């Protein structure tokens, strides 16, 4: 009998540097602690470091460790680039090109050895991942519901709603399973909530302006997510047009 394709979640961000890898690792760790086999996949990574003559993605290592080191690390992120640019631009800077077929086929390694697969996108949902493709194209083709990670700082509501509107309109609509607000650490090493008065209000504001569930508000250094989040239930949600509902009035006829 043919093995059923495992469910999955596509973790994207409202921007770069919002903590997608950190949140994905927390999800993987929680699933693994519950006894589940977790596949972790990052189709491409840039800004990688040269270690012992090989490019290494710190994000890929973090995901692999969190999932309990399943399979081989090289399959977590099969396309690695050094320049801190969008992957296709980093590839071009090295005289290479993104393998668009591999972006998609690389996930097959995890389908036969995982109960659930966590895919982490590069940058935001509409970040280019090729000359004519976007991260959202991969999310659409994998068919996994989105978890949108939003940095909990001033501007969070605008960035979150823009991402949800983009998800709703992209290629007929992407399913959004939920949003996670993540406290990022400022360059000086100080959590934003100490100096940013919007920190305490963003969660309530987000729930006021969208029907998408707010799954968690994560503090800097937090080592686990709230219990009671059913990741398998979220992963099994059908992809449906207009699933990311944003409350708005700009198309009102009143």
C-alpha atoms as a PDB file:
ATOM      1  CA  UNK A   1       0.000   0.000   0.000  1.00  0.00           C
ATOM      2  CA  UNK A   2       1.322   3.448  -0.913  1.00  0.00           C
ATOM      3  CA  UNK A   3       2.417   5.502   2.080  1.00  0.00           C
ATOM      4  CA  UNK A   4       0.321   8.611   2.657  1.00  0.00           C
ATOM      5  CA  UNK A   5       2.184  11.888   2.156  1.00  0.00           C
ATOM      6  CA  UNK A   6       2.840  13.455   5.561  1.00  0.00           C
ATOM      7  CA  UNK A   7       1.259  16.735   6.543  1.00  0.00           C
ATOM      8  CA  UNK A   8       3.339  19.806   7.003  1.00  0.00           C
ATOM      9  CA  UNK A   9       3.561  23.471   7.857  1.00  0.00           C
ATOM     10  CA  UNK A  10       5.287  26.224   5.908  1.00  0.00           C
ATOM     11  CA  UNK A  11       6.854  28.755   8.262  1.00  0.00           C
ATOM     12  CA  UNK A  12       7.210  32.175   6.689  1.00  0.00           C
ATOM     13  CA  UNK A  13       7.819  35.650   8.041  1.00  0.00           C
ATOM     14  CA  UNK A  14       6.417  39.128   7.758  1.00  0.00           C
ATOM     15  CA  UNK A  15       9.984  40.277   7.054  1.00  0.00           C
ATOM     16  CA  UNK A  16      13.565  39.068   7.265  1.00  0.00           C
ATOM     17  CA  UNK A  17      15.164  38.595  10.681  1.00  0.00           C
ATOM     18  CA  UNK A  18      11.903  37.959  12.517  1.00  0.00           C
ATOM     19  CA  UNK A  19      12.977  34.643  14.047  1.00  0.00           C
ATOM     20  CA  UNK A  20      11.594  32.055  11.621  1.00  0.00           C
ATOM     21  CA  UNK A  21      14.339  29.541  12.389  1.00  0.00           C
ATOM     22  CA  UNK A  22      13.947  30.056  16.127  1.00  0.00           C
ATOM     23  CA  UNK A  23      10.189  29.467  15.973  1.00  0.00           C
ATOM     24  CA  UNK A  24      10.497  26.517  13.583  1.00  0.00           C
ATOM     25  CA  UNK A  25      13.021  24.930  15.945  1.00  0.00           C
ATOM     26  CA  UNK A  26      10.638  25.405  18.897  1.00  0.00           C
ATOM     27  CA  UNK A  27       7.865  23.664  16.944  1.00  0.00           C
ATOM     28  CA  UNK A  28      10.201  20.827  15.944  1.00  0.00           C
ATOM     29  CA  UNK A  29      11.409  20.383  19.511  1.00  0.00           C
ATOM     30  CA  UNK A  30       7.848  20.247  20.844  1.00  0.00           C
ATOM     31  CA  UNK A  31       6.805  17.657  18.266  1.00  0.00           C
ATOM     32  CA  UNK A  32       9.890  15.565  18.895  1.00  0.00           C
ATOM     33  CA  UNK A  33       9.323  15.673  22.673  1.00  0.00           C
ATOM     34  CA  UNK A  34       5.843  14.278  22.010  1.00  0.00           C
ATOM     35  CA  UNK A  35       7.413  11.322  20.210  1.00  0.00           C
ATOM     36  CA  UNK A  36       6.841  12.354  16.600  1.00  0.00           C
ATOM     37  CA  UNK A  37       9.280  12.032  13.707  1.00  0.00           C
ATOM     38  CA  UNK A  38       9.840  15.477  12.240  1.00  0.00           C
ATOM     39  CA  UNK A  39      11.288  16.393   8.894  1.00  0.00           C
ATOM     40  CA  UNK A  40      12.858  19.834   8.554  1.00  0.00           C
ATOM     41  CA  UNK A  41      13.466  21.476   5.212  1.00  0.00           C
ATOM     42  CA  UNK A  42      14.849  24.837   4.135  1.00  0.00           C
ATOM     43  CA  UNK A  43      14.900  24.892   0.319  1.00  0.00           C
ATOM     44  CA  UNK A  44      17.775  27.371   0.062  1.00  0.00           C
ATOM     45  CA  UNK A  45      19.898  29.468   2.397  1.00  0.00           C
ATOM     46  CA  UNK A  46      22.250  32.373   1.872  1.00  0.00           C
ATOM     47  CA  UNK A  47      24.677  34.043   4.254  1.00  0.00           C
ATOM     48  CA  UNK A  48      26.222  30.653   4.989  1.00  0.00           C
ATOM     49  CA  UNK A  49      29.633  30.286   6.633  1.00  0.00           C
ATOM     50  CA  UNK A  50      32.639  28.428   5.319  1.00  0.00           C
ATOM     51  CA  UNK A  51      33.653  25.768   7.857  1.00  0.00           C
ATOM     52  CA  UNK A  52      36.386  23.245   7.093  1.00  0.00           C
ATOM     53  CA  UNK A  53      36.107  24.036   3.416  1.00  0.00           C
ATOM     54  CA  UNK A  54      32.334  23.602   3.230  1.00  0.00           C
ATOM     55  CA  UNK A  55      29.442  26.032   3.341  1.00  0.00           C
ATOM     56  CA  UNK A  56      27.278  25.516   6.407  1.00  0.00           C
ATOM     57  CA  UNK A  57      23.874  27.035   7.111  1.00  0.00           C
ATOM     58  CA  UNK A  58      23.522  27.777  10.807  1.00  0.00           C
ATOM     59  CA  UNK A  59      19.756  27.806  10.331  1.00  0.00           C
ATOM     60  CA  UNK A  60      19.809  24.300   8.857  1.00  0.00           C
ATOM     61  CA  UNK A  61      21.957  23.035  11.725  1.00  0.00           C
ATOM     62  CA  UNK A  62      19.570  24.584  14.280  1.00  0.00           C
ATOM     63  CA  UNK A  63      16.555  22.936  12.639  1.00  0.00           C
ATOM     64  CA  UNK A  64      18.302  19.564  12.361  1.00  0.00           C
ATOM     65  CA  UNK A  65      19.362  19.633  16.012  1.00  0.00           C
ATOM     66  CA  UNK A  66      15.877  20.629  17.172  1.00  0.00           C
ATOM     67  CA  UNK A  67      14.307  17.765  15.221  1.00  0.00           C
ATOM     68  CA  UNK A  68      16.683  15.249  16.824  1.00  0.00           C
ATOM     69  CA  UNK A  69      19.151  14.999  13.928  1.00  0.00           C
ATOM     70  CA  UNK A  70      16.922  13.011  11.587  1.00  0.00           C
ATOM     71  CA  UNK A  71      18.396  11.769   8.316  1.00  0.00           C
ATOM     72  CA  UNK A  72      21.411  13.613   6.964  1.00  0.00           C
ATOM     73  CA  UNK A  73      22.102  17.300   7.554  1.00  0.00           C
ATOM     74  CA  UNK A  74      22.850  17.919   3.859  1.00  0.00           C
ATOM     75  CA  UNK A  75      19.228  17.184   3.027  1.00  0.00           C
ATOM     76  CA  UNK A  76      17.880  19.857   5.392  1.00  0.00           C
ATOM     77  CA  UNK A  77      19.078  22.587   3.048  1.00  0.00           C
ATOM     78  CA  UNK A  78      20.437  21.299  -0.270  1.00  0.00           C
ATOM     79  CA  UNK A  79      21.287  24.718  -1.739  1.00  0.00           C
ATOM     80  CA  UNK A  80      23.766  26.848   0.179  1.00  0.00           C
ATOM     81  CA  UNK A  81      25.224  30.231  -0.741  1.00  0.00           C
ATOM     82  CA  UNK A  82      27.689  32.535   0.995  1.00  0.00           C
ATOM     83  CA  UNK A  83      26.541  36.069   0.174  1.00  0.00           C
ATOM     84  CA  UNK A  84      23.953  37.575   2.570  1.00  0.00           C
ATOM     85  CA  UNK A  85      21.492  38.240  -0.257  1.00  0.00           C
ATOM     86  CA  UNK A  86      18.292  36.669  -1.519  1.00  0.00           C
ATOM     87  CA  UNK A  87      19.289  33.104  -2.523  1.00  0.00           C
ATOM     88  CA  UNK A  88      19.057  33.660  -6.287  1.00  0.00           C
ATOM     89  CA  UNK A  89      21.178  36.819  -6.016  1.00  0.00           C
ATOM     90  CA  UNK A  90      23.685  35.079  -3.745  1.00  0.00           C
ATOM     91  CA  UNK A  91      23.918  32.276  -6.289  1.00  0.00           C
ATOM     92  CA  UNK A  92      24.489  34.780  -9.103  1.00  0.00           C
ATOM     93  CA  UNK A  93      27.265  36.466  -7.099  1.00  0.00           C
ATOM     94  CA  UNK A  94      29.027  33.088  -7.021  1.00  0.00           C
ATOM     95  CA  UNK A  95      28.540  32.452 -10.732  1.00  0.00           C
ATOM     96  CA  UNK A  96      25.871  29.880  -9.995  1.00  0.00           C
ATOM     97  CA  UNK A  97      22.121  29.710 -10.303  1.00  0.00           C
ATOM     98  CA  UNK A  98      19.251  28.470  -8.172  1.00  0.00           C
ATOM     99  CA  UNK A  99      18.123  24.972  -9.109  1.00  0.00           C
ATOM    100  CA  UNK A 100      14.356  25.541  -9.203  1.00  0.00           C
ATOM    101  CA  UNK A 101      13.674  21.836  -9.626  1.00  0.00           C
ATOM    102  CA  UNK A 102      15.730  20.987  -6.536  1.00  0.00           C
ATOM    103  CA  UNK A 103      13.870  23.627  -4.502  1.00  0.00           C
ATOM    104  CA  UNK A 104      10.816  21.421  -4.937  1.00  0.00           C
ATOM    105  CA  UNK A 105      12.218  17.906  -5.154  1.00  0.00           C
ATOM    106  CA  UNK A 106      14.463  18.269  -2.112  1.00  0.00           C
ATOM    107  CA  UNK A 107      11.476  17.799   0.191  1.00  0.00           C
ATOM    108  CA  UNK A 108      10.952  14.251  -1.092  1.00  0.00           C
ATOM    109  CA  UNK A 109      13.798  13.045   1.118  1.00  0.00           C
ATOM    110  CA  UNK A 110      11.685  13.862   4.175  1.00  0.00           C
ATOM    111  CA  UNK A 111       8.372  12.531   2.933  1.00  0.00           C
ATOM    112  CA  UNK A 112       9.293   8.891   3.486  1.00  0.00           C
ATOM    113  CA  UNK A 113      10.767   9.333   6.972  1.00  0.00           C
ATOM    114  CA  UNK A 114       8.555  11.912   8.709  1.00  0.00           C
ATOM    115  CA  UNK A 115       5.142  12.153  10.313  1.00  0.00           C
ATOM    116  CA  UNK A 116       5.140  15.904   9.760  1.00  0.00           C
ATOM    117  CA  UNK A 117       7.406  18.220   7.785  1.00  0.00           C
ATOM    118  CA  UNK A 118       8.326  21.762   8.754  1.00  0.00           C
ATOM    119  CA  UNK A 119       9.450  23.937   5.857  1.00  0.00           C
ATOM    120  CA  UNK A 120      11.133  27.251   6.565  1.00  0.00           C
ATOM    121  CA  UNK A 121      11.004  29.797   3.785  1.00  0.00           C
ATOM    122  CA  UNK A 122      13.648  32.407   3.014  1.00  0.00           C
ATOM    123  CA  UNK A 123      12.785  35.967   4.001  1.00  0.00           C
ATOM    124  CA  UNK A 124       9.147  36.995   3.734  1.00  0.00           C
ATOM    125  CA  UNK A 125       6.284  35.392   1.853  1.00  0.00           C
ATOM    126  CA  UNK A 126       6.756  37.511  -1.292  1.00  0.00           C
ATOM    127  CA  UNK A 127      10.556  37.495  -1.180  1.00  0.00           C
ATOM    128  CA  UNK A 128      11.962  36.517  -4.593  1.00  0.00           C
ATOM    129  CA  UNK A 129      13.639  33.121  -4.694  1.00  0.00           C
ATOM    130  CA  UNK A 130      14.381  33.341  -8.408  1.00  0.00           C
ATOM    131  CA  UNK A 131      14.033  35.787 -11.258  1.00  0.00           C
ATOM    132  CA  UNK A 132      10.380  34.888 -11.745  1.00  0.00           C
ATOM    133  CA  UNK A 133       9.493  33.006  -8.538  1.00  0.00           C
ATOM    134  CA  UNK A 134       8.696  33.879  -4.956  1.00  0.00           C
ATOM    135  CA  UNK A 135       8.727  32.040  -1.652  1.00  0.00           C
ATOM    136  CA  UNK A 136       4.936  31.967  -1.932  1.00  0.00           C
ATOM    137  CA  UNK A 137       5.231  29.835  -5.066  1.00  0.00           C
ATOM    138  CA  UNK A 138       6.915  27.106  -3.033  1.00  0.00           C
ATOM    139  CA  UNK A 139       4.332  27.410  -0.265  1.00  0.00           C
ATOM    140  CA  UNK A 140       1.580  27.046  -2.850  1.00  0.00           C
ATOM    141  CA  UNK A 141       3.139  24.024  -4.526  1.00  0.00           C
ATOM    142  CA  UNK A 142       3.958  22.195  -1.301  1.00  0.00           C
ATOM    143  CA  UNK A 143       0.367  22.801  -0.231  1.00  0.00           C
ATOM    144  CA  UNK A 144       1.155  23.231   3.462  1.00  0.00           C
ATOM    145  CA  UNK A 145      -0.689  25.807   5.588  1.00  0.00           C
ATOM    146  CA  UNK A 146       1.342  28.826   6.632  1.00  0.00           C
ATOM    147  CA  UNK A 147       2.589  29.790  10.058  1.00  0.00           C
ATOM    148  CA  UNK A 148       3.421  33.495   9.841  1.00  0.00           C
ATOM    149  CA  UNK A 149       6.131  34.699  12.229  1.00  0.00           C
ATOM    150  CA  UNK A 150       5.899  38.409  13.024  1.00  0.00           C
ATOM    151  CA  UNK A 151       8.471  40.382  14.983  1.00  0.00           C
ATOM    152  CA  UNK A 152       6.729  41.849  18.020  1.00  0.00           C
ATOM    153  CA  UNK A 153       7.749  45.470  17.603  1.00  0.00           C
ATOM    154  CA  UNK A 154       6.376  48.724  16.252  1.00  0.00           C
ATOM    155  CA  UNK A 155       5.112  48.136  12.718  1.00  0.00           C
ATOM    156  CA  UNK A 156       4.091  44.548  13.486  1.00  0.00           C
ATOM    157  CA  UNK A 157       0.420  45.031  12.644  1.00  0.00           C
ATOM    158  CA  UNK A 158       1.088  46.601   9.255  1.00  0.00           C
ATOM    159  CA  UNK A 159       3.600  43.908   8.297  1.00  0.00           C
ATOM    160  CA  UNK A 160       1.374  41.092   9.542  1.00  0.00           C
ATOM    161  CA  UNK A 161      -1.712  42.329   7.704  1.00  0.00           C
ATOM    162  CA  UNK A 162       0.234  42.908   4.492  1.00  0.00           C
ATOM    163  CA  UNK A 163       1.492  39.326   4.655  1.00  0.00           C
ATOM    164  CA  UNK A 164      -1.991  37.951   5.326  1.00  0.00           C
ATOM    165  CA  UNK A 165      -3.484  39.969   2.465  1.00  0.00           C
ATOM    166  CA  UNK A 166      -0.721  38.692   0.174  1.00  0.00           C
ATOM    167  CA  UNK A 167      -1.434  35.111   1.278  1.00  0.00           C
ATOM    168  CA  UNK A 168      -5.142  35.535   0.631  1.00  0.00           C
ATOM    169  CA  UNK A 169      -4.616  36.856  -2.893  1.00  0.00           C
ATOM    170  CA  UNK A 170      -1.650  34.797  -4.095  1.00  0.00           C
ATOM    171  CA  UNK A 171      -2.578  32.248  -6.788  1.00  0.00           C
ATOM    172  CA  UNK A 172      -6.129  31.940  -5.528  1.00  0.00           C
ATOM    173  CA  UNK A 173      -5.273  31.989  -1.840  1.00  0.00           C
ATOM    174  CA  UNK A 174      -2.920  30.270   0.610  1.00  0.00           C
ATOM    175  CA  UNK A 175      -4.194  28.799   3.865  1.00  0.00           C
ATOM    176  CA  UNK A 176      -2.826  30.493   6.980  1.00  0.00           C
ATOM    177  CA  UNK A 177      -2.939  28.248  10.046  1.00  0.00           C
ATOM    178  CA  UNK A 178      -1.882  30.959  12.471  1.00  0.00           C
ATOM    179  CA  UNK A 179       0.395  33.813  13.463  1.00  0.00           C
ATOM    180  CA  UNK A 180       3.144  33.803  16.077  1.00  0.00           C
ATOM    181  CA  UNK A 181       4.387  37.079  17.523  1.00  0.00           C
ATOM    182  CA  UNK A 182       8.068  36.773  18.334  1.00  0.00           C
ATOM    183  CA  UNK A 183      10.059  39.111  20.541  1.00  0.00           C
ATOM    184  CA  UNK A 184      13.247  39.936  18.688  1.00  0.00           C
ATOM    185  CA  UNK A 185      16.426  41.188  20.301  1.00  0.00           C
ATOM    186  CA  UNK A 186      17.716  44.569  19.200  1.00  0.00           C
ATOM    187  CA  UNK A 187      21.243  44.958  17.879  1.00  0.00           C
ATOM    188  CA  UNK A 188      22.359  46.265  21.253  1.00  0.00           C
ATOM    189  CA  UNK A 189      21.187  43.023  22.846  1.00  0.00           C
ATOM    190  CA  UNK A 190      18.130  44.554  24.519  1.00  0.00           C
ATOM    191  CA  UNK A 191      14.734  42.904  23.967  1.00  0.00           C
ATOM    192  CA  UNK A 192      12.514  45.282  22.030  1.00  0.00           C
ATOM    193  CA  UNK A 193       9.738  45.175  24.620  1.00  0.00           C
ATOM    194  CA  UNK A 194      11.863  47.221  27.032  1.00  0.00           C
ATOM    195  CA  UNK A 195      12.002  50.224  24.684  1.00  0.00           C
ATOM    196  CA  UNK A 196       8.990  49.601  22.408  1.00  0.00           C
ATOM    197  CA  UNK A 197       5.593  50.514  23.901  1.00  0.00           C
ATOM    198  CA  UNK A 198       3.746  48.679  21.095  1.00  0.00           C
ATOM    199  CA  UNK A 199       5.011  45.324  22.390  1.00  0.00           C
ATOM    200  CA  UNK A 200       2.223  44.826  24.925  1.00  0.00           C
ATOM    201  CA  UNK A 201      -0.566  45.886  22.558  1.00  0.00           C
ATOM    202  CA  UNK A 202       0.345  44.076  19.348  1.00  0.00           C
ATOM    203  CA  UNK A 203      -1.316  40.784  20.235  1.00  0.00           C
ATOM    204  CA  UNK A 204      -4.711  42.340  20.962  1.00  0.00           C
ATOM    205  CA  UNK A 205      -4.458  44.630  17.938  1.00  0.00           C
ATOM    206  CA  UNK A 206      -3.674  41.723  15.669  1.00  0.00           C
ATOM    207  CA  UNK A 207      -6.692  39.773  16.906  1.00  0.00           C
ATOM    208  CA  UNK A 208      -8.875  42.834  16.380  1.00  0.00           C
ATOM    209  CA  UNK A 209      -7.893  43.176  12.732  1.00  0.00           C
ATOM    210  CA  UNK A 210      -7.813  39.559  11.537  1.00  0.00           C
ATOM    211  CA  UNK A 211      -9.596  36.255  12.035  1.00  0.00           C
ATOM    212  CA  UNK A 212      -6.350  34.300  11.743  1.00  0.00           C
ATOM    213  CA  UNK A 213      -5.537  32.655  15.114  1.00  0.00           C
ATOM    214  CA  UNK A 214      -2.768  34.175  17.207  1.00  0.00           C
ATOM    215  CA  UNK A 215      -1.079  30.959  18.307  1.00  0.00           C
ATOM    216  CA  UNK A 216       1.509  32.398  20.677  1.00  0.00           C
ATOM    217  CA  UNK A 217       3.402  35.461  21.837  1.00  0.00           C
ATOM    218  CA  UNK A 218       6.986  34.333  22.313  1.00  0.00           C
ATOM    219  CA  UNK A 219       9.436  36.126  24.583  1.00  0.00           C
ATOM    220  CA  UNK A 220      13.156  36.409  23.860  1.00  0.00           C
ATOM    221  CA  UNK A 221      14.960  33.319  25.087  1.00  0.00           C
ATOM    222  CA  UNK A 222      11.768  31.317  25.532  1.00  0.00           C
ATOM    223  CA  UNK A 223      12.591  27.613  25.230  1.00  0.00           C
ATOM    224  CA  UNK A 224       9.152  26.170  24.544  1.00  0.00           C
ATOM    225  CA  UNK A 225       5.823  27.033  22.991  1.00  0.00           C
ATOM    226  CA  UNK A 226       2.496  26.849  24.838  1.00  0.00           C
ATOM    227  CA  UNK A 227       1.161  23.345  25.259  1.00  0.00           C
ATOM    228  CA  UNK A 228      -2.168  22.645  23.662  1.00  0.00           C
ATOM    229  CA  UNK A 229      -1.286  23.745  20.129  1.00  0.00           C
ATOM    230  CA  UNK A 230      -2.253  20.841  17.878  1.00  0.00           C
ATOM    231  CA  UNK A 231       0.326  21.119  15.107  1.00  0.00           C
ATOM    232  CA  UNK A 232      -1.077  18.078  13.289  1.00  0.00           C
ATOM    233  CA  UNK A 233      -4.529  19.643  13.219  1.00  0.00           C
ATOM    234  CA  UNK A 234      -3.099  22.880  11.847  1.00  0.00           C
ATOM    235  CA  UNK A 235      -1.078  20.955   9.255  1.00  0.00           C
ATOM    236  CA  UNK A 236      -4.145  19.098   8.031  1.00  0.00           C
ATOM    237  CA  UNK A 237      -6.146  22.213   7.186  1.00  0.00           C
ATOM    238  CA  UNK A 238      -7.299  22.323   3.608  1.00  0.00           C
ATOM    239  CA  UNK A 239      -5.820  24.984   1.378  1.00  0.00           C
ATOM    240  CA  UNK A 240      -8.726  27.231   0.524  1.00  0.00           C
ATOM    241  CA  UNK A 241      -9.134  30.505  -1.299  1.00  0.00           C
ATOM    242  CA  UNK A 242      -9.397  33.528   0.955  1.00  0.00           C
ATOM    243  CA  UNK A 243      -8.448  31.611   4.071  1.00  0.00           C
ATOM    244  CA  UNK A 244      -6.459  34.467   5.557  1.00  0.00           C
ATOM    245  CA  UNK A 245      -9.275  36.769   6.582  1.00  0.00           C
ATOM    246  CA  UNK A 246      -8.451  40.389   7.337  1.00  0.00           C
ATOM    247  CA  UNK A 247     -11.123  42.714   8.640  1.00  0.00           C
ATOM    248  CA  UNK A 248     -11.247  45.796   6.423  1.00  0.00           C
ATOM    249  CA  UNK A 249     -13.575  48.439   5.121  1.00  0.00           C
ATOM    250  CA  UNK A 250     -11.751  49.845   2.109  1.00  0.00           C
ATOM    251  CA  UNK A 251     -14.006  47.930  -0.304  1.00  0.00           C
ATOM    252  CA  UNK A 252     -17.186  48.850   1.510  1.00  0.00           C
ATOM    253  CA  UNK A 253     -20.048  50.324  -0.520  1.00  0.00           C
ATOM    254  CA  UNK A 254     -21.387  52.236   2.447  1.00  0.00           C
END
